[in-house]
N, C-alpha and C. Protein backbone atom coordinates (compact mmCIF):
# COMPACT_ATOMS: atom_id res chain seq x y z
N PHE A 1 -123.85 -68.02 -13.67
CA PHE A 1 -122.72 -68.79 -14.10
C PHE A 1 -123.18 -70.26 -14.38
N LYS A 2 -123.99 -70.84 -13.56
CA LYS A 2 -124.47 -72.18 -13.79
C LYS A 2 -125.33 -72.24 -15.06
N GLN A 3 -126.16 -71.26 -15.26
CA GLN A 3 -126.99 -71.25 -16.47
C GLN A 3 -126.08 -71.13 -17.77
N SER A 4 -125.13 -70.25 -17.71
CA SER A 4 -124.33 -70.02 -18.94
C SER A 4 -123.35 -71.22 -19.21
N THR A 5 -122.90 -71.94 -18.23
CA THR A 5 -122.03 -73.03 -18.42
C THR A 5 -122.77 -74.37 -18.48
N GLY A 6 -123.95 -74.48 -17.99
CA GLY A 6 -124.67 -75.77 -17.97
C GLY A 6 -124.27 -76.66 -16.81
N PHE A 7 -123.38 -76.06 -15.85
CA PHE A 7 -123.06 -76.88 -14.71
C PHE A 7 -124.23 -76.97 -13.79
N ILE A 8 -124.37 -78.20 -13.22
CA ILE A 8 -125.41 -78.36 -12.30
C ILE A 8 -124.91 -78.03 -10.89
N GLU A 9 -123.75 -78.47 -10.62
CA GLU A 9 -123.07 -78.17 -9.27
C GLU A 9 -121.74 -77.59 -9.56
N VAL A 10 -121.46 -76.54 -8.79
CA VAL A 10 -120.17 -75.87 -8.92
C VAL A 10 -119.30 -76.38 -7.70
N HIS A 11 -118.14 -76.93 -7.97
CA HIS A 11 -117.23 -77.38 -7.00
C HIS A 11 -116.26 -76.38 -6.69
N LYS A 12 -115.90 -76.19 -5.50
CA LYS A 12 -114.88 -75.25 -5.08
C LYS A 12 -114.09 -75.82 -3.92
N ILE A 13 -112.84 -75.40 -3.86
CA ILE A 13 -111.97 -75.80 -2.73
C ILE A 13 -111.64 -74.57 -2.01
N SER A 14 -111.82 -74.53 -0.65
CA SER A 14 -111.45 -73.47 0.17
C SER A 14 -110.18 -73.77 0.97
N ILE A 15 -109.37 -72.78 0.97
CA ILE A 15 -108.12 -72.94 1.75
C ILE A 15 -108.06 -71.64 2.60
N SER A 16 -107.92 -72.04 3.91
CA SER A 16 -107.87 -70.87 4.88
C SER A 16 -106.55 -70.19 4.90
N ARG A 17 -106.53 -68.97 5.40
CA ARG A 17 -105.33 -68.25 5.48
C ARG A 17 -104.31 -68.96 6.38
N GLN A 18 -104.87 -69.56 7.42
CA GLN A 18 -104.06 -70.28 8.37
C GLN A 18 -103.29 -71.49 7.68
N ASP A 19 -104.04 -72.16 6.80
CA ASP A 19 -103.49 -73.18 6.01
C ASP A 19 -102.26 -72.73 5.13
N CYS A 20 -102.42 -71.49 4.61
CA CYS A 20 -101.30 -70.95 3.84
C CYS A 20 -100.20 -70.53 4.71
N VAL A 21 -100.45 -70.06 5.87
CA VAL A 21 -99.35 -69.74 6.77
C VAL A 21 -98.65 -71.03 7.23
N ALA A 22 -99.39 -72.05 7.55
CA ALA A 22 -98.85 -73.34 7.93
C ALA A 22 -97.92 -73.92 6.82
N ALA A 23 -98.39 -73.72 5.58
CA ALA A 23 -97.63 -74.19 4.42
C ALA A 23 -96.45 -73.32 4.12
N ASP A 24 -96.32 -72.27 4.84
CA ASP A 24 -95.17 -71.29 4.63
C ASP A 24 -95.24 -70.55 3.23
N LEU A 25 -96.47 -70.32 2.81
CA LEU A 25 -96.67 -69.66 1.53
C LEU A 25 -96.91 -68.17 1.75
N ILE A 26 -97.49 -67.81 2.84
CA ILE A 26 -97.68 -66.43 3.28
C ILE A 26 -97.10 -66.08 4.71
N LYS A 27 -96.83 -64.92 4.97
CA LYS A 27 -96.27 -64.57 6.26
C LYS A 27 -97.34 -64.60 7.34
N LYS A 28 -96.88 -64.69 8.54
CA LYS A 28 -97.83 -64.85 9.71
C LYS A 28 -98.83 -63.70 9.79
N GLY A 29 -98.36 -62.52 9.47
CA GLY A 29 -99.24 -61.33 9.58
C GLY A 29 -98.49 -60.09 9.27
N VAL A 30 -99.07 -58.96 9.68
CA VAL A 30 -98.63 -57.62 9.35
C VAL A 30 -98.31 -56.88 10.65
N MET A 31 -97.25 -56.23 10.75
CA MET A 31 -97.01 -55.27 11.83
C MET A 31 -97.17 -53.87 11.22
N ALA A 32 -97.93 -53.01 11.88
CA ALA A 32 -98.27 -51.66 11.35
C ALA A 32 -97.79 -50.58 12.26
N ILE A 33 -97.31 -49.47 11.63
CA ILE A 33 -96.87 -48.30 12.35
C ILE A 33 -97.72 -47.15 11.79
N ALA A 34 -98.34 -46.38 12.61
CA ALA A 34 -99.05 -45.04 12.15
C ALA A 34 -98.49 -44.04 13.04
N PHE A 35 -98.41 -42.86 12.49
CA PHE A 35 -97.82 -41.61 13.23
C PHE A 35 -98.99 -40.72 13.57
N LEU A 36 -99.18 -40.52 14.85
CA LEU A 36 -100.21 -39.59 15.39
C LEU A 36 -99.56 -38.51 16.21
N VAL A 37 -99.92 -37.25 15.91
CA VAL A 37 -99.39 -36.16 16.72
C VAL A 37 -100.54 -35.29 17.07
N ASP A 38 -100.23 -34.41 18.11
CA ASP A 38 -101.34 -33.44 18.47
C ASP A 38 -101.38 -32.21 17.42
N ASP A 39 -102.41 -31.46 17.52
CA ASP A 39 -102.69 -30.44 16.52
C ASP A 39 -101.47 -29.44 16.34
N GLU A 40 -100.78 -29.15 17.43
CA GLU A 40 -99.70 -28.16 17.35
C GLU A 40 -98.62 -28.75 16.51
N ALA A 41 -98.24 -30.01 16.66
CA ALA A 41 -97.13 -30.65 15.92
C ALA A 41 -97.49 -31.00 14.51
N ARG A 42 -98.80 -31.07 14.22
CA ARG A 42 -99.17 -31.53 12.85
C ARG A 42 -98.63 -30.57 11.79
N ALA A 43 -98.67 -29.26 11.95
CA ALA A 43 -98.23 -28.33 11.02
C ALA A 43 -96.74 -28.43 10.66
N ILE A 44 -95.99 -28.86 11.62
CA ILE A 44 -94.55 -28.95 11.38
C ILE A 44 -93.94 -30.39 11.20
N THR A 45 -94.89 -31.32 11.08
CA THR A 45 -94.44 -32.72 10.90
C THR A 45 -94.62 -33.09 9.48
N ASP A 46 -93.50 -33.68 8.81
CA ASP A 46 -93.62 -34.27 7.52
C ASP A 46 -93.89 -35.71 7.66
N PHE A 47 -95.12 -36.05 7.71
CA PHE A 47 -95.64 -37.37 7.86
C PHE A 47 -95.05 -38.37 6.79
N GLU A 48 -95.00 -37.92 5.62
CA GLU A 48 -94.57 -38.76 4.48
C GLU A 48 -93.10 -39.07 4.58
N LYS A 49 -92.31 -38.05 4.88
CA LYS A 49 -90.87 -38.35 4.97
C LYS A 49 -90.58 -39.18 6.19
N THR A 50 -91.28 -38.96 7.29
CA THR A 50 -91.10 -39.77 8.47
C THR A 50 -91.45 -41.18 8.23
N ALA A 51 -92.54 -41.47 7.52
CA ALA A 51 -92.94 -42.78 7.15
C ALA A 51 -91.97 -43.50 6.26
N ILE A 52 -91.53 -42.71 5.19
CA ILE A 52 -90.48 -43.36 4.37
C ILE A 52 -89.15 -43.67 5.05
N ARG A 53 -88.80 -42.74 6.03
CA ARG A 53 -87.53 -43.06 6.78
C ARG A 53 -87.71 -44.34 7.60
N HIS A 54 -88.83 -44.47 8.24
CA HIS A 54 -89.10 -45.65 9.10
C HIS A 54 -89.19 -46.92 8.14
N GLY A 55 -89.80 -46.81 7.02
CA GLY A 55 -89.89 -47.89 6.13
C GLY A 55 -88.49 -48.32 5.56
N LEU A 56 -87.65 -47.38 5.36
CA LEU A 56 -86.26 -47.59 4.90
C LEU A 56 -85.47 -48.32 6.03
N GLU A 57 -85.68 -47.86 7.28
CA GLU A 57 -85.03 -48.42 8.44
C GLU A 57 -85.40 -49.88 8.56
N LYS A 58 -86.67 -50.19 8.38
CA LYS A 58 -87.15 -51.61 8.52
C LYS A 58 -86.58 -52.39 7.34
N GLN A 59 -86.58 -51.82 6.13
CA GLN A 59 -86.13 -52.57 5.07
C GLN A 59 -84.57 -52.93 5.26
N LEU A 60 -83.84 -51.97 5.80
CA LEU A 60 -82.37 -52.21 6.02
C LEU A 60 -82.20 -53.30 7.13
N GLU A 61 -83.07 -53.26 8.21
CA GLU A 61 -83.01 -54.29 9.20
C GLU A 61 -83.37 -55.62 8.60
N ILE A 62 -84.33 -55.76 7.72
CA ILE A 62 -84.66 -57.08 7.04
C ILE A 62 -83.51 -57.53 6.16
N GLU A 63 -82.91 -56.58 5.37
CA GLU A 63 -81.80 -56.88 4.55
C GLU A 63 -80.64 -57.45 5.30
N LYS A 64 -80.27 -56.83 6.46
CA LYS A 64 -79.21 -57.39 7.27
C LYS A 64 -79.51 -58.72 7.87
N GLU A 65 -80.74 -58.90 8.24
CA GLU A 65 -81.21 -60.23 8.73
C GLU A 65 -81.10 -61.35 7.63
N LEU A 66 -81.46 -61.01 6.41
CA LEU A 66 -81.44 -61.99 5.30
C LEU A 66 -79.99 -62.24 5.05
N GLN A 67 -79.07 -61.28 5.02
CA GLN A 67 -77.61 -61.54 4.76
C GLN A 67 -77.09 -62.43 5.88
N SER A 68 -77.34 -62.11 7.15
CA SER A 68 -76.70 -62.83 8.29
C SER A 68 -77.22 -64.27 8.33
N ALA A 69 -78.41 -64.50 7.73
CA ALA A 69 -78.96 -65.82 7.74
C ALA A 69 -78.55 -66.63 6.50
N GLY A 70 -77.77 -65.94 5.64
CA GLY A 70 -77.29 -66.59 4.42
C GLY A 70 -78.14 -66.65 3.20
N TYR A 71 -79.12 -65.76 3.17
CA TYR A 71 -80.06 -65.74 2.04
C TYR A 71 -79.61 -64.71 1.06
N ASP A 72 -79.45 -65.01 -0.19
CA ASP A 72 -79.11 -64.12 -1.35
C ASP A 72 -80.44 -63.43 -1.81
N LEU A 73 -80.97 -62.50 -1.08
CA LEU A 73 -82.24 -61.94 -1.38
C LEU A 73 -82.23 -60.49 -0.85
N LYS A 74 -82.55 -59.58 -1.73
CA LYS A 74 -82.66 -58.22 -1.32
C LYS A 74 -84.19 -57.79 -1.23
N PRO A 75 -84.59 -57.26 -0.13
CA PRO A 75 -86.00 -56.93 0.00
C PRO A 75 -86.34 -55.71 -0.83
N LEU A 76 -87.62 -55.60 -1.23
CA LEU A 76 -88.14 -54.55 -1.99
C LEU A 76 -89.13 -53.78 -1.08
N MET A 77 -89.03 -52.50 -1.04
CA MET A 77 -90.04 -51.65 -0.34
C MET A 77 -91.02 -51.13 -1.37
N LEU A 78 -92.30 -51.16 -1.05
CA LEU A 78 -93.34 -50.60 -1.86
C LEU A 78 -93.77 -49.24 -1.23
N VAL A 79 -93.83 -48.25 -2.03
CA VAL A 79 -94.28 -46.95 -1.56
C VAL A 79 -95.53 -46.55 -2.36
N GLN A 80 -96.62 -46.47 -1.64
CA GLN A 80 -97.92 -46.14 -2.27
C GLN A 80 -98.27 -44.70 -2.09
N VAL A 81 -98.34 -43.93 -3.18
CA VAL A 81 -98.62 -42.52 -3.03
C VAL A 81 -100.11 -42.19 -3.37
N ASP A 82 -100.58 -41.10 -2.97
CA ASP A 82 -101.98 -40.70 -3.28
C ASP A 82 -102.12 -40.35 -4.69
N SER A 83 -103.28 -40.41 -5.22
CA SER A 83 -103.63 -39.99 -6.59
C SER A 83 -104.02 -38.56 -6.75
N ASN A 84 -103.56 -37.73 -5.85
CA ASN A 84 -103.97 -36.32 -5.85
C ASN A 84 -103.50 -35.63 -7.15
N ALA A 85 -104.52 -35.19 -7.94
CA ALA A 85 -104.17 -34.62 -9.17
C ALA A 85 -103.54 -33.25 -9.10
N ASP A 86 -103.62 -32.64 -7.88
CA ASP A 86 -103.08 -31.28 -7.71
C ASP A 86 -101.58 -31.34 -7.31
N LYS A 87 -101.06 -32.50 -6.98
CA LYS A 87 -99.69 -32.60 -6.57
C LYS A 87 -99.01 -33.76 -7.42
N ASN A 88 -97.73 -33.63 -7.52
CA ASN A 88 -96.94 -34.67 -8.15
C ASN A 88 -96.45 -35.61 -7.06
N THR A 89 -97.29 -36.45 -6.53
CA THR A 89 -96.96 -37.26 -5.40
C THR A 89 -95.88 -38.26 -5.71
N VAL A 90 -95.78 -38.73 -6.94
CA VAL A 90 -94.72 -39.70 -7.32
C VAL A 90 -93.37 -39.00 -7.17
N GLU A 91 -93.23 -37.84 -7.83
CA GLU A 91 -91.97 -37.10 -7.77
C GLU A 91 -91.65 -36.71 -6.27
N ASP A 92 -92.62 -36.26 -5.53
CA ASP A 92 -92.37 -35.95 -4.18
C ASP A 92 -91.84 -37.08 -3.40
N ALA A 93 -92.39 -38.25 -3.52
CA ALA A 93 -91.96 -39.52 -2.86
C ALA A 93 -90.47 -39.82 -3.34
N LYS A 94 -90.30 -39.74 -4.61
CA LYS A 94 -88.94 -40.09 -5.12
C LYS A 94 -87.91 -39.04 -4.52
N LYS A 95 -88.20 -37.76 -4.51
CA LYS A 95 -87.30 -36.75 -3.96
C LYS A 95 -87.00 -37.18 -2.45
N LYS A 96 -87.94 -37.50 -1.74
CA LYS A 96 -87.75 -37.84 -0.27
C LYS A 96 -86.96 -39.06 -0.18
N LEU A 97 -87.18 -40.05 -0.93
CA LEU A 97 -86.28 -41.28 -0.95
C LEU A 97 -84.93 -40.99 -1.27
N ILE A 98 -84.64 -40.13 -2.19
CA ILE A 98 -83.28 -39.68 -2.59
C ILE A 98 -82.62 -38.91 -1.45
N GLU A 99 -83.40 -38.02 -0.84
CA GLU A 99 -82.83 -37.27 0.34
C GLU A 99 -82.48 -38.24 1.49
N LEU A 100 -83.07 -39.36 1.52
CA LEU A 100 -82.87 -40.32 2.66
C LEU A 100 -81.90 -41.38 2.26
N GLY A 101 -81.19 -41.15 1.08
CA GLY A 101 -80.09 -41.98 0.73
C GLY A 101 -80.26 -43.07 -0.29
N VAL A 102 -81.49 -43.18 -0.87
CA VAL A 102 -81.72 -44.22 -1.94
C VAL A 102 -81.24 -43.60 -3.22
N ARG A 103 -80.48 -44.34 -3.93
CA ARG A 103 -79.97 -43.92 -5.25
C ARG A 103 -81.07 -43.93 -6.34
N PRO A 104 -81.08 -42.90 -7.24
CA PRO A 104 -82.19 -42.82 -8.17
C PRO A 104 -82.42 -44.10 -9.00
N GLU A 105 -81.26 -44.81 -9.37
CA GLU A 105 -81.37 -46.02 -10.20
C GLU A 105 -81.95 -47.21 -9.40
N GLN A 106 -82.09 -47.06 -8.06
CA GLN A 106 -82.72 -48.09 -7.24
C GLN A 106 -84.21 -47.90 -7.05
N ILE A 107 -84.79 -46.86 -7.66
CA ILE A 107 -86.18 -46.53 -7.51
C ILE A 107 -86.89 -46.82 -8.89
N ALA A 108 -87.96 -47.58 -8.80
CA ALA A 108 -88.78 -47.84 -9.96
C ALA A 108 -90.18 -47.18 -9.75
N ILE A 109 -90.88 -46.83 -10.88
CA ILE A 109 -92.16 -46.21 -10.74
C ILE A 109 -93.14 -46.85 -11.62
N HIS A 110 -94.26 -47.21 -11.17
CA HIS A 110 -95.30 -47.82 -11.98
C HIS A 110 -96.64 -47.27 -11.63
N THR A 111 -97.17 -46.45 -12.55
CA THR A 111 -98.61 -45.93 -12.34
C THR A 111 -99.27 -46.07 -13.57
N ALA A 112 -100.59 -45.90 -13.63
CA ALA A 112 -101.39 -45.99 -14.82
C ALA A 112 -100.89 -44.95 -15.90
N GLN A 113 -100.49 -43.74 -15.32
CA GLN A 113 -100.05 -42.69 -16.22
C GLN A 113 -98.58 -43.01 -16.76
N ASP A 114 -97.81 -43.68 -15.97
CA ASP A 114 -96.36 -43.98 -16.28
C ASP A 114 -96.07 -45.45 -16.01
N PRO A 115 -96.68 -46.37 -16.85
CA PRO A 115 -96.55 -47.74 -16.51
C PRO A 115 -95.06 -48.24 -16.88
N ASP A 116 -94.60 -49.11 -16.08
CA ASP A 116 -93.25 -49.66 -16.40
C ASP A 116 -93.57 -51.11 -17.15
N PRO A 117 -93.07 -51.10 -18.39
CA PRO A 117 -93.39 -52.34 -19.17
C PRO A 117 -92.72 -53.56 -18.64
N ASP A 118 -91.71 -53.35 -17.82
CA ASP A 118 -90.96 -54.46 -17.25
C ASP A 118 -91.32 -54.71 -15.76
N LEU A 119 -92.58 -54.41 -15.36
CA LEU A 119 -92.99 -54.45 -14.04
C LEU A 119 -92.74 -55.92 -13.43
N LEU A 120 -92.99 -56.90 -14.14
CA LEU A 120 -92.80 -58.24 -13.56
C LEU A 120 -91.31 -58.56 -13.46
N ALA A 121 -90.50 -58.06 -14.37
CA ALA A 121 -89.05 -58.30 -14.32
C ALA A 121 -88.51 -57.61 -13.05
N LEU A 122 -88.96 -56.38 -12.80
CA LEU A 122 -88.33 -55.71 -11.63
C LEU A 122 -88.73 -56.38 -10.31
N ALA A 123 -89.71 -57.15 -10.30
CA ALA A 123 -90.00 -58.01 -9.12
C ALA A 123 -88.86 -58.86 -8.69
N ASN A 124 -87.99 -59.25 -9.74
CA ASN A 124 -86.87 -60.09 -9.38
C ASN A 124 -85.49 -59.38 -9.55
N ASP A 125 -85.61 -58.07 -9.81
CA ASP A 125 -84.36 -57.30 -10.06
C ASP A 125 -83.90 -56.73 -8.63
N ASP A 126 -82.87 -57.37 -8.11
CA ASP A 126 -82.30 -56.89 -6.78
C ASP A 126 -81.66 -55.56 -6.90
N HIS A 127 -81.52 -54.90 -8.04
CA HIS A 127 -81.03 -53.55 -8.07
C HIS A 127 -82.04 -52.57 -7.80
N ILE A 128 -83.33 -52.98 -8.01
CA ILE A 128 -84.43 -52.04 -7.61
C ILE A 128 -84.80 -52.37 -6.14
N ARG A 129 -84.76 -51.27 -5.37
CA ARG A 129 -84.96 -51.44 -3.89
C ARG A 129 -86.27 -50.84 -3.52
N VAL A 130 -86.81 -49.93 -4.28
CA VAL A 130 -88.08 -49.26 -3.96
C VAL A 130 -88.97 -49.22 -5.19
N LEU A 131 -90.26 -49.48 -5.08
CA LEU A 131 -91.21 -49.28 -6.18
C LEU A 131 -92.30 -48.31 -5.67
N ILE A 132 -92.37 -47.19 -6.40
CA ILE A 132 -93.40 -46.25 -6.12
C ILE A 132 -94.64 -46.53 -7.01
N PHE A 133 -95.76 -46.47 -6.39
CA PHE A 133 -97.01 -46.77 -7.16
C PHE A 133 -98.19 -45.98 -6.51
N LYS A 134 -99.29 -45.93 -7.39
CA LYS A 134 -100.53 -45.39 -6.84
C LYS A 134 -101.51 -46.43 -6.59
N VAL A 135 -101.97 -47.11 -7.61
CA VAL A 135 -102.97 -48.14 -7.45
C VAL A 135 -102.53 -49.36 -8.27
N ALA A 136 -101.76 -49.17 -9.27
CA ALA A 136 -101.42 -50.18 -10.30
C ALA A 136 -100.98 -51.52 -9.87
N VAL A 137 -100.28 -51.56 -8.75
CA VAL A 137 -99.78 -52.91 -8.33
C VAL A 137 -100.59 -53.66 -7.23
N ALA A 138 -101.78 -53.01 -7.05
CA ALA A 138 -102.62 -53.57 -5.97
C ALA A 138 -103.18 -54.88 -6.40
N LEU A 139 -103.32 -55.17 -7.64
CA LEU A 139 -103.97 -56.46 -8.05
C LEU A 139 -102.97 -57.09 -9.03
N GLY A 140 -102.72 -58.38 -8.86
CA GLY A 140 -102.07 -59.22 -9.80
C GLY A 140 -100.58 -59.01 -9.85
N PHE A 141 -99.98 -58.30 -8.92
CA PHE A 141 -98.52 -58.06 -8.92
C PHE A 141 -97.98 -59.02 -7.89
N ASP A 142 -97.09 -59.91 -8.26
CA ASP A 142 -96.51 -60.85 -7.37
C ASP A 142 -95.05 -60.57 -7.23
N CYS A 143 -94.68 -60.18 -6.01
CA CYS A 143 -93.37 -59.83 -5.67
C CYS A 143 -93.00 -60.31 -4.22
N PRO A 144 -92.70 -61.56 -4.10
CA PRO A 144 -92.43 -62.11 -2.77
C PRO A 144 -91.24 -61.46 -2.05
N ARG A 145 -90.44 -60.74 -2.72
CA ARG A 145 -89.29 -60.10 -1.97
C ARG A 145 -89.70 -58.77 -1.31
N ALA A 146 -90.99 -58.43 -1.54
CA ALA A 146 -91.54 -57.16 -0.83
C ALA A 146 -91.88 -57.56 0.58
N PHE A 147 -91.30 -56.88 1.53
CA PHE A 147 -91.58 -57.04 2.96
C PHE A 147 -92.19 -55.81 3.60
N THR A 148 -91.98 -54.58 2.96
CA THR A 148 -92.39 -53.37 3.58
C THR A 148 -93.24 -52.54 2.68
N LEU A 149 -94.29 -52.04 3.15
CA LEU A 149 -95.15 -51.03 2.45
C LEU A 149 -95.25 -49.72 3.19
N VAL A 150 -94.94 -48.74 2.54
CA VAL A 150 -95.16 -47.38 3.09
C VAL A 150 -96.35 -46.75 2.35
N SER A 151 -97.38 -46.47 3.04
CA SER A 151 -98.56 -45.97 2.35
C SER A 151 -98.86 -44.50 2.75
N MET A 152 -98.95 -43.64 1.70
CA MET A 152 -99.26 -42.24 1.89
C MET A 152 -100.61 -41.95 1.41
N ARG A 153 -101.37 -43.08 1.05
CA ARG A 153 -102.73 -42.90 0.51
C ARG A 153 -103.77 -43.19 1.52
N ARG A 154 -104.78 -42.41 1.60
CA ARG A 154 -105.86 -42.66 2.55
C ARG A 154 -106.62 -43.88 2.04
N SER A 155 -106.89 -44.89 2.92
CA SER A 155 -107.59 -46.08 2.40
C SER A 155 -109.03 -45.67 2.30
N ARG A 156 -109.60 -45.90 1.13
CA ARG A 156 -111.00 -45.62 0.91
C ARG A 156 -111.88 -46.86 0.81
N ASP A 157 -111.25 -48.00 0.65
CA ASP A 157 -111.95 -49.25 0.51
C ASP A 157 -111.18 -50.38 1.27
N ALA A 158 -111.89 -51.13 2.11
CA ALA A 158 -111.21 -52.18 2.88
C ALA A 158 -110.67 -53.26 1.97
N ASP A 159 -111.46 -53.62 0.95
CA ASP A 159 -110.97 -54.72 0.03
C ASP A 159 -109.77 -54.29 -0.70
N PHE A 160 -109.65 -52.98 -1.12
CA PHE A 160 -108.49 -52.46 -1.84
C PHE A 160 -107.28 -52.48 -0.89
N GLY A 161 -107.48 -52.09 0.37
CA GLY A 161 -106.46 -52.11 1.37
C GLY A 161 -105.88 -53.54 1.62
N VAL A 162 -106.78 -54.49 1.64
CA VAL A 162 -106.36 -55.90 1.76
C VAL A 162 -105.55 -56.35 0.62
N GLN A 163 -105.90 -55.95 -0.57
CA GLN A 163 -105.14 -56.31 -1.75
C GLN A 163 -103.76 -55.66 -1.79
N VAL A 164 -103.61 -54.39 -1.33
CA VAL A 164 -102.30 -53.73 -1.31
C VAL A 164 -101.45 -54.47 -0.26
N VAL A 165 -101.96 -54.70 0.90
CA VAL A 165 -101.28 -55.36 1.98
C VAL A 165 -100.79 -56.75 1.51
N GLY A 166 -101.63 -57.44 0.67
CA GLY A 166 -101.31 -58.71 0.20
C GLY A 166 -100.07 -58.80 -0.55
N ARG A 167 -99.56 -57.61 -1.11
CA ARG A 167 -98.34 -57.64 -1.95
C ARG A 167 -97.11 -57.87 -1.04
N ILE A 168 -97.24 -57.66 0.25
CA ILE A 168 -96.10 -57.91 1.14
C ILE A 168 -96.15 -59.12 1.99
N LEU A 169 -97.24 -59.94 1.70
CA LEU A 169 -97.44 -61.13 2.62
C LEU A 169 -96.93 -62.43 2.07
N ARG A 170 -96.53 -62.46 0.81
CA ARG A 170 -96.04 -63.66 0.21
C ARG A 170 -94.67 -64.02 0.75
N VAL A 171 -94.43 -65.33 0.89
CA VAL A 171 -93.07 -65.82 1.34
C VAL A 171 -92.28 -66.12 0.09
N HIS A 172 -91.15 -65.57 -0.02
CA HIS A 172 -90.25 -65.89 -1.22
C HIS A 172 -89.84 -67.39 -1.16
N ARG A 173 -89.72 -67.94 -2.36
CA ARG A 173 -89.41 -69.36 -2.45
C ARG A 173 -88.06 -69.75 -1.74
N LEU A 174 -87.20 -68.79 -1.70
CA LEU A 174 -85.92 -69.07 -1.03
C LEU A 174 -86.05 -69.36 0.49
N LEU A 175 -87.21 -68.69 1.02
CA LEU A 175 -87.41 -68.80 2.45
C LEU A 175 -88.49 -69.86 2.87
N GLN A 176 -89.22 -70.32 1.91
CA GLN A 176 -90.27 -71.27 2.20
C GLN A 176 -89.72 -72.56 2.86
N GLY A 177 -90.34 -72.89 4.01
CA GLY A 177 -89.92 -74.11 4.69
C GLY A 177 -88.60 -74.04 5.42
N LYS A 178 -88.05 -72.82 5.49
CA LYS A 178 -86.74 -72.59 6.21
C LYS A 178 -86.93 -71.95 7.53
N GLU A 179 -86.09 -72.36 8.46
CA GLU A 179 -86.09 -71.79 9.74
C GLU A 179 -85.61 -70.29 9.65
N ARG A 180 -86.37 -69.27 10.20
CA ARG A 180 -85.95 -67.89 10.11
C ARG A 180 -86.55 -67.17 11.30
N SER A 181 -85.97 -66.00 11.56
CA SER A 181 -86.33 -65.22 12.66
C SER A 181 -87.76 -64.61 12.56
N ASP A 182 -88.35 -64.14 13.64
CA ASP A 182 -89.60 -63.58 13.60
C ASP A 182 -89.65 -62.36 12.70
N LEU A 183 -88.50 -61.60 12.63
CA LEU A 183 -88.43 -60.44 11.69
C LEU A 183 -88.90 -60.79 10.31
N LEU A 184 -88.45 -61.97 9.83
CA LEU A 184 -88.70 -62.37 8.45
C LEU A 184 -90.08 -63.10 8.28
N LYS A 185 -90.86 -63.25 9.34
CA LYS A 185 -92.08 -63.95 9.26
C LYS A 185 -93.30 -62.95 9.12
N TYR A 186 -92.99 -61.69 9.12
CA TYR A 186 -94.08 -60.73 8.99
C TYR A 186 -93.81 -59.62 7.85
N GLY A 187 -94.94 -59.11 7.42
CA GLY A 187 -94.89 -57.98 6.52
C GLY A 187 -95.00 -56.71 7.43
N TYR A 188 -94.45 -55.56 6.83
CA TYR A 188 -94.48 -54.33 7.72
C TYR A 188 -95.14 -53.17 6.91
N VAL A 189 -96.16 -52.53 7.55
CA VAL A 189 -96.82 -51.44 6.89
C VAL A 189 -96.56 -50.18 7.78
N VAL A 190 -96.12 -49.09 7.06
CA VAL A 190 -95.88 -47.84 7.68
C VAL A 190 -96.90 -46.79 7.11
N LEU A 191 -97.77 -46.28 7.90
CA LEU A 191 -98.80 -45.40 7.40
C LEU A 191 -98.44 -43.93 7.68
N ALA A 192 -98.44 -43.11 6.67
CA ALA A 192 -98.23 -41.75 6.81
C ALA A 192 -99.48 -41.01 7.20
């Protein structure tokens, strides 16, 4: 880089995560839930539906807290499905969301195979309550109203996992610098 630009010294500014938390730009941290069962129960447990149900319960709790605190903000839940070519994981997740009471028009889908051209607009569309994705929103997608991530994908790369979790760590501008409950100071990850 130095050779191609002719720079003798490269200047950089480092900002710690704690500095960003103190400035109320990102949430304090992440609370995670994972479901573990013994071998006998594994065959009869629908981990994905259980994770989605718990994610929806947390999202509803956050929504009620936002309303009671007087914030006009609807949280978005992100649902990350696996890229298994043998299964239609997107449709499976959508079906489970609908079975759990989410209306079809409240669900958006964005994958490399089925990209939503209005992805950035849906980040601010309070009518969309759930976004289903595989990998496509892991980088460069900014949606500070996302508080909850339900992941049904096995993490294969630590850096990728950090990027995905980063989607739920931003603090929405309506909340920045405002007093709020601990519930609203964290992101929530539910692992299937």
